[in-house]
Amino acid sequence: MKPIRLSRHAQQQCQERGASDSEVLIAIEQGRREPAKQGRELCRFNCAFNQA
């Protein structure tokens, strides 16, 4: 798999939503995939609070 890099916008969204970069990476790597708008893919993963 290619290295995952978060854009500046994604990092800002993490901060606004109270998510860490590591939680987002876990969601991308291990999350359930669902269709999203404009042919994109959504990764959904529930993390325990402050565990990632």
PDB file of N, CA and C in Angstrom:
ATOM      1  N   MET A   1       0.837  -1.181   0.000  1.00  0.00           N
ATOM      2  CA  MET A   1       0.000   0.000   0.000  1.00  0.00           C
ATOM      3  C   MET A   1       0.886   1.251   0.000  1.00  0.00           C
ATOM      4  N   LYS A   2       0.442   2.252  -0.728  1.00  0.00           N
ATOM      5  CA  LYS A   2       1.191   3.507  -0.772  1.00  0.00           C
ATOM      6  C   LYS A   2       1.156   4.189   0.599  1.00  0.00           C
ATOM      7  N   PRO A   3       2.173   4.976   0.927  1.00  0.00           N
ATOM      8  CA  PRO A   3       2.150   5.715   2.194  1.00  0.00           C
ATOM      9  C   PRO A   3       0.943   6.658   2.232  1.00  0.00           C
ATOM     10  N   ILE A   4       0.348   6.789   3.395  1.00  0.00           N
ATOM     11  CA  ILE A   4      -0.811   7.662   3.557  1.00  0.00           C
ATOM     12  C   ILE A   4      -0.337   9.000   4.096  1.00  0.00           C
ATOM     13  N   ARG A   5      -0.688  10.054   3.371  1.00  0.00           N
ATOM     14  CA  ARG A   5      -0.347  11.412   3.806  1.00  0.00           C
ATOM     15  C   ARG A   5      -1.638  12.208   3.907  1.00  0.00           C
ATOM     16  N   LEU A   6      -1.799  12.920   4.993  1.00  0.00           N
ATOM     17  CA  LEU A   6      -2.993  13.742   5.177  1.00  0.00           C
ATOM     18  C   LEU A   6      -2.736  15.146   4.649  1.00  0.00           C
ATOM     19  N   SER A   7      -3.679  15.654   3.885  1.00  0.00           N
ATOM     20  CA  SER A   7      -3.571  17.025   3.375  1.00  0.00           C
ATOM     21  C   SER A   7      -3.728  18.010   4.541  1.00  0.00           C
ATOM     22  N   ARG A   8      -3.395  19.234   4.304  1.00  0.00           N
ATOM     23  CA  ARG A   8      -3.555  20.272   5.330  1.00  0.00           C
ATOM     24  C   ARG A   8      -5.036  20.367   5.723  1.00  0.00           C
ATOM     25  N   HIS A   9      -5.916  20.288   4.723  1.00  0.00           N
ATOM     26  CA  HIS A   9      -7.355  20.342   4.997  1.00  0.00           C
ATOM     27  C   HIS A   9      -7.788  19.172   5.881  1.00  0.00           C
ATOM     28  N   ALA A  10      -7.292  17.969   5.582  1.00  0.00           N
ATOM     29  CA  ALA A  10      -7.630  16.798   6.392  1.00  0.00           C
ATOM     30  C   ALA A  10      -7.127  16.957   7.826  1.00  0.00           C
ATOM     31  N   GLN A  11      -5.937  17.510   7.991  1.00  0.00           N
ATOM     32  CA  GLN A  11      -5.396  17.740   9.329  1.00  0.00           C
ATOM     33  C   GLN A  11      -6.239  18.755  10.093  1.00  0.00           C
ATOM     34  N   GLN A  12      -6.714  19.794   9.402  1.00  0.00           N
ATOM     35  CA  GLN A  12      -7.584  20.788  10.032  1.00  0.00           C
ATOM     36  C   GLN A  12      -8.913  20.160  10.450  1.00  0.00           C
ATOM     37  N   GLN A  13      -9.451  19.295   9.593  1.00  0.00           N
ATOM     38  CA  GLN A  13     -10.707  18.617   9.913  1.00  0.00           C
ATOM     39  C   GLN A  13     -10.532  17.704  11.132  1.00  0.00           C
ATOM     40  N   CYS A  14      -9.390  17.022  11.221  1.00  0.00           N
ATOM     41  CA  CYS A  14      -9.103  16.185  12.385  1.00  0.00           C
ATOM     42  C   CYS A  14      -9.136  17.018  13.656  1.00  0.00           C
ATOM     43  N   GLN A  15      -8.483  18.159  13.612  1.00  0.00           N
ATOM     44  CA  GLN A  15      -8.403  19.024  14.780  1.00  0.00           C
ATOM     45  C   GLN A  15      -9.797  19.520  15.177  1.00  0.00           C
ATOM     46  N   GLU A  16     -10.592  19.942  14.202  1.00  0.00           N
ATOM     47  CA  GLU A  16     -11.946  20.427  14.477  1.00  0.00           C
ATOM     48  C   GLU A  16     -12.836  19.336  15.051  1.00  0.00           C
ATOM     49  N   ARG A  17     -12.621  18.095  14.613  1.00  0.00           N
ATOM     50  CA  ARG A  17     -13.479  16.980  15.027  1.00  0.00           C
ATOM     51  C   ARG A  17     -12.936  16.215  16.215  1.00  0.00           C
ATOM     52  N   GLY A  18     -11.764  16.596  16.696  1.00  0.00           N
ATOM     53  CA  GLY A  18     -11.192  15.945  17.873  1.00  0.00           C
ATOM     54  C   GLY A  18     -10.601  14.580  17.595  1.00  0.00           C
ATOM     55  N   ALA A  19     -10.173  14.354  16.369  1.00  0.00           N
ATOM     56  CA  ALA A  19      -9.557  13.072  15.995  1.00  0.00           C
ATOM     57  C   ALA A  19      -8.051  13.257  15.820  1.00  0.00           C
ATOM     58  N   SER A  20      -7.287  12.240  16.156  1.00  0.00           N
ATOM     59  CA  SER A  20      -5.841  12.299  15.955  1.00  0.00           C
ATOM     60  C   SER A  20      -5.498  11.757  14.571  1.00  0.00           C
ATOM     61  N   ASP A  21      -4.313  12.101  14.088  1.00  0.00           N
ATOM     62  CA  ASP A  21      -3.845  11.567  12.806  1.00  0.00           C
ATOM     63  C   ASP A  21      -3.809  10.042  12.847  1.00  0.00           C
ATOM     64  N   SER A  22      -3.379   9.486  13.982  1.00  0.00           N
ATOM     65  CA  SER A  22      -3.266   8.025  14.089  1.00  0.00           C
ATOM     66  C   SER A  22      -4.642   7.362  13.997  1.00  0.00           C
ATOM     67  N   GLU A  23      -5.684   7.992  14.562  1.00  0.00           N
ATOM     68  CA  GLU A  23      -7.033   7.442  14.449  1.00  0.00           C
ATOM     69  C   GLU A  23      -7.497   7.430  12.994  1.00  0.00           C
ATOM     70  N   VAL A  24      -7.175   8.471  12.257  1.00  0.00           N
ATOM     71  CA  VAL A  24      -7.554   8.540  10.847  1.00  0.00           C
ATOM     72  C   VAL A  24      -6.827   7.464  10.050  1.00  0.00           C
ATOM     73  N   LEU A  25      -5.555   7.278  10.313  1.00  0.00           N
ATOM     74  CA  LEU A  25      -4.785   6.243   9.610  1.00  0.00           C
ATOM     75  C   LEU A  25      -5.340   4.850   9.904  1.00  0.00           C
ATOM     76  N   ILE A  26      -5.729   4.601  11.154  1.00  0.00           N
ATOM     77  CA  ILE A  26      -6.327   3.316  11.513  1.00  0.00           C
ATOM     78  C   ILE A  26      -7.644   3.128  10.758  1.00  0.00           C
ATOM     79  N   ALA A  27      -8.447   4.185  10.684  1.00  0.00           N
ATOM     80  CA  ALA A  27      -9.722   4.107   9.962  1.00  0.00           C
ATOM     81  C   ALA A  27      -9.496   3.786   8.490  1.00  0.00           C
ATOM     82  N   ILE A  28      -8.495   4.395   7.886  1.00  0.00           N
ATOM     83  CA  ILE A  28      -8.206   4.140   6.472  1.00  0.00           C
ATOM     84  C   ILE A  28      -7.737   2.704   6.271  1.00  0.00           C
ATOM     85  N   GLU A  29      -6.877   2.237   7.164  1.00  0.00           N
ATOM     86  CA  GLU A  29      -6.296   0.903   7.002  1.00  0.00           C
ATOM     87  C   GLU A  29      -7.255  -0.218   7.397  1.00  0.00           C
ATOM     88  N   GLN A  30      -8.077  -0.001   8.431  1.00  0.00           N
ATOM     89  CA  GLN A  30      -8.877  -1.092   8.983  1.00  0.00           C
ATOM     90  C   GLN A  30     -10.382  -0.867   8.888  1.00  0.00           C
ATOM     91  N   GLY A  31     -10.803   0.317   8.488  1.00  0.00           N
ATOM     92  CA  GLY A  31     -12.215   0.663   8.506  1.00  0.00           C
ATOM     93  C   GLY A  31     -13.051  -0.012   7.439  1.00  0.00           C
ATOM     94  N   ARG A  32     -14.347   0.040   7.667  1.00  0.00           N
ATOM     95  CA  ARG A  32     -15.334  -0.480   6.712  1.00  0.00           C
ATOM     96  C   ARG A  32     -15.500   0.543   5.597  1.00  0.00           C
ATOM     97  N   ARG A  33     -15.467   0.105   4.379  1.00  0.00           N
ATOM     98  CA  ARG A  33     -15.569   0.998   3.223  1.00  0.00           C
ATOM     99  C   ARG A  33     -17.012   1.102   2.761  1.00  0.00           C
ATOM    100  N   GLU A  34     -17.408   2.346   2.441  1.00  0.00           N
ATOM    101  CA  GLU A  34     -18.757   2.623   1.967  1.00  0.00           C
ATOM    102  C   GLU A  34     -18.675   3.610   0.813  1.00  0.00           C
ATOM    103  N   PRO A  35     -19.645   3.547  -0.103  1.00  0.00           N
ATOM    104  CA  PRO A  35     -19.666   4.540  -1.178  1.00  0.00           C
ATOM    105  C   PRO A  35     -19.935   5.935  -0.613  1.00  0.00           C
ATOM    106  N   ALA A  36     -19.307   6.934  -1.211  1.00  0.00           N
ATOM    107  CA  ALA A  36     -19.501   8.326  -0.805  1.00  0.00           C
ATOM    108  C   ALA A  36     -19.864   9.152  -2.037  1.00  0.00           C
ATOM    109  N   LYS A  37     -20.059  10.434  -1.845  1.00  0.00           N
ATOM    110  CA  LYS A  37     -20.429  11.324  -2.943  1.00  0.00           C
ATOM    111  C   LYS A  37     -19.360  11.356  -4.029  1.00  0.00           C
ATOM    112  N   GLN A  38     -19.805  11.622  -5.243  1.00  0.00           N
ATOM    113  CA  GLN A  38     -18.942  11.827  -6.410  1.00  0.00           C
ATOM    114  C   GLN A  38     -18.014  10.640  -6.674  1.00  0.00           C
ATOM    115  N   GLY A  39     -18.513   9.421  -6.435  1.00  0.00           N
ATOM    116  CA  GLY A  39     -17.747   8.219  -6.735  1.00  0.00           C
ATOM    117  C   GLY A  39     -16.586   7.956  -5.788  1.00  0.00           C
ATOM    118  N   ARG A  40     -16.565   8.636  -4.658  1.00  0.00           N
ATOM    119  CA  ARG A  40     -15.477   8.437  -3.691  1.00  0.00           C
ATOM    120  C   ARG A  40     -15.819   7.310  -2.727  1.00  0.00           C
ATOM    121  N   GLU A  41     -14.880   7.038  -1.841  1.00  0.00           N
ATOM    122  CA  GLU A  41     -15.041   5.966  -0.879  1.00  0.00           C
ATOM    123  C   GLU A  41     -14.868   6.522   0.528  1.00  0.00           C
ATOM    124  N   LEU A  42     -15.726   6.085   1.436  1.00  0.00           N
ATOM    125  CA  LEU A  42     -15.696   6.516   2.827  1.00  0.00           C
ATOM    126  C   LEU A  42     -15.173   5.361   3.670  1.00  0.00           C
ATOM    127  N   CYS A  43     -14.297   5.634   4.621  1.00  0.00           N
ATOM    128  CA  CYS A  43     -13.787   4.620   5.542  1.00  0.00           C
ATOM    129  C   CYS A  43     -14.349   4.918   6.925  1.00  0.00           C
ATOM    130  N   ARG A  44     -15.059   3.959   7.496  1.00  0.00           N
ATOM    131  CA  ARG A  44     -15.706   4.155   8.788  1.00  0.00           C
ATOM    132  C   ARG A  44     -15.102   3.185   9.799  1.00  0.00           C
ATOM    133  N   PHE A  45     -14.732   3.716  10.969  1.00  0.00           N
ATOM    134  CA  PHE A  45     -14.126   2.899  12.015  1.00  0.00           C
ATOM    135  C   PHE A  45     -14.398   3.563  13.346  1.00  0.00           C
ATOM    136  N   ASN A  46     -14.893   2.807  14.326  1.00  0.00           N
ATOM    137  CA  ASN A  46     -15.147   3.354  15.650  1.00  0.00           C
ATOM    138  C   ASN A  46     -13.943   3.075  16.550  1.00  0.00           C
ATOM    139  N   CYS A  47     -13.354   4.147  17.076  1.00  0.00           N
ATOM    140  CA  CYS A  47     -12.202   4.027  17.991  1.00  0.00           C
ATOM    141  C   CYS A  47     -12.669   4.269  19.413  1.00  0.00           C
ATOM    142  N   ALA A  48     -12.069   3.578  20.350  1.00  0.00           N
ATOM    143  CA  ALA A  48     -12.309   3.890  21.753  1.00  0.00           C
ATOM    144  C   ALA A  48     -11.696   5.250  22.052  1.00  0.00           C
ATOM    145  N   PHE A  49     -12.321   6.029  22.867  1.00  0.00           N
ATOM    146  CA  PHE A  49     -11.863   7.389  23.168  1.00  0.00           C
ATOM    147  C   PHE A  49     -10.435   7.376  23.718  1.00  0.00           C
ATOM    148  N   ASN A  50      -9.555   8.173  23.111  1.00  0.00           N
ATOM    149  CA  ASN A  50      -8.142   8.331  23.528  1.00  0.00           C
ATOM    150  C   ASN A  50      -7.363   7.015  23.558  1.00  0.00           C
ATOM    151  N   GLN A  51      -7.636   6.103  22.638  1.00  0.00           N
ATOM    152  CA  GLN A  51      -6.935   4.832  22.617  1.00  0.00           C
ATOM    153  C   GLN A  51      -5.956   4.687  21.464  1.00  0.00           C
ATOM    154  N   ALA A  52      -6.036   5.523  20.451  1.00  0.00           N
ATOM    155  CA  ALA A  52      -5.144   5.376  19.287  1.00  0.00           C
ATOM    156  C   ALA A  52      -3.912   6.230  19.433  1.00  0.00           C
TER     157      ALA A  52
END
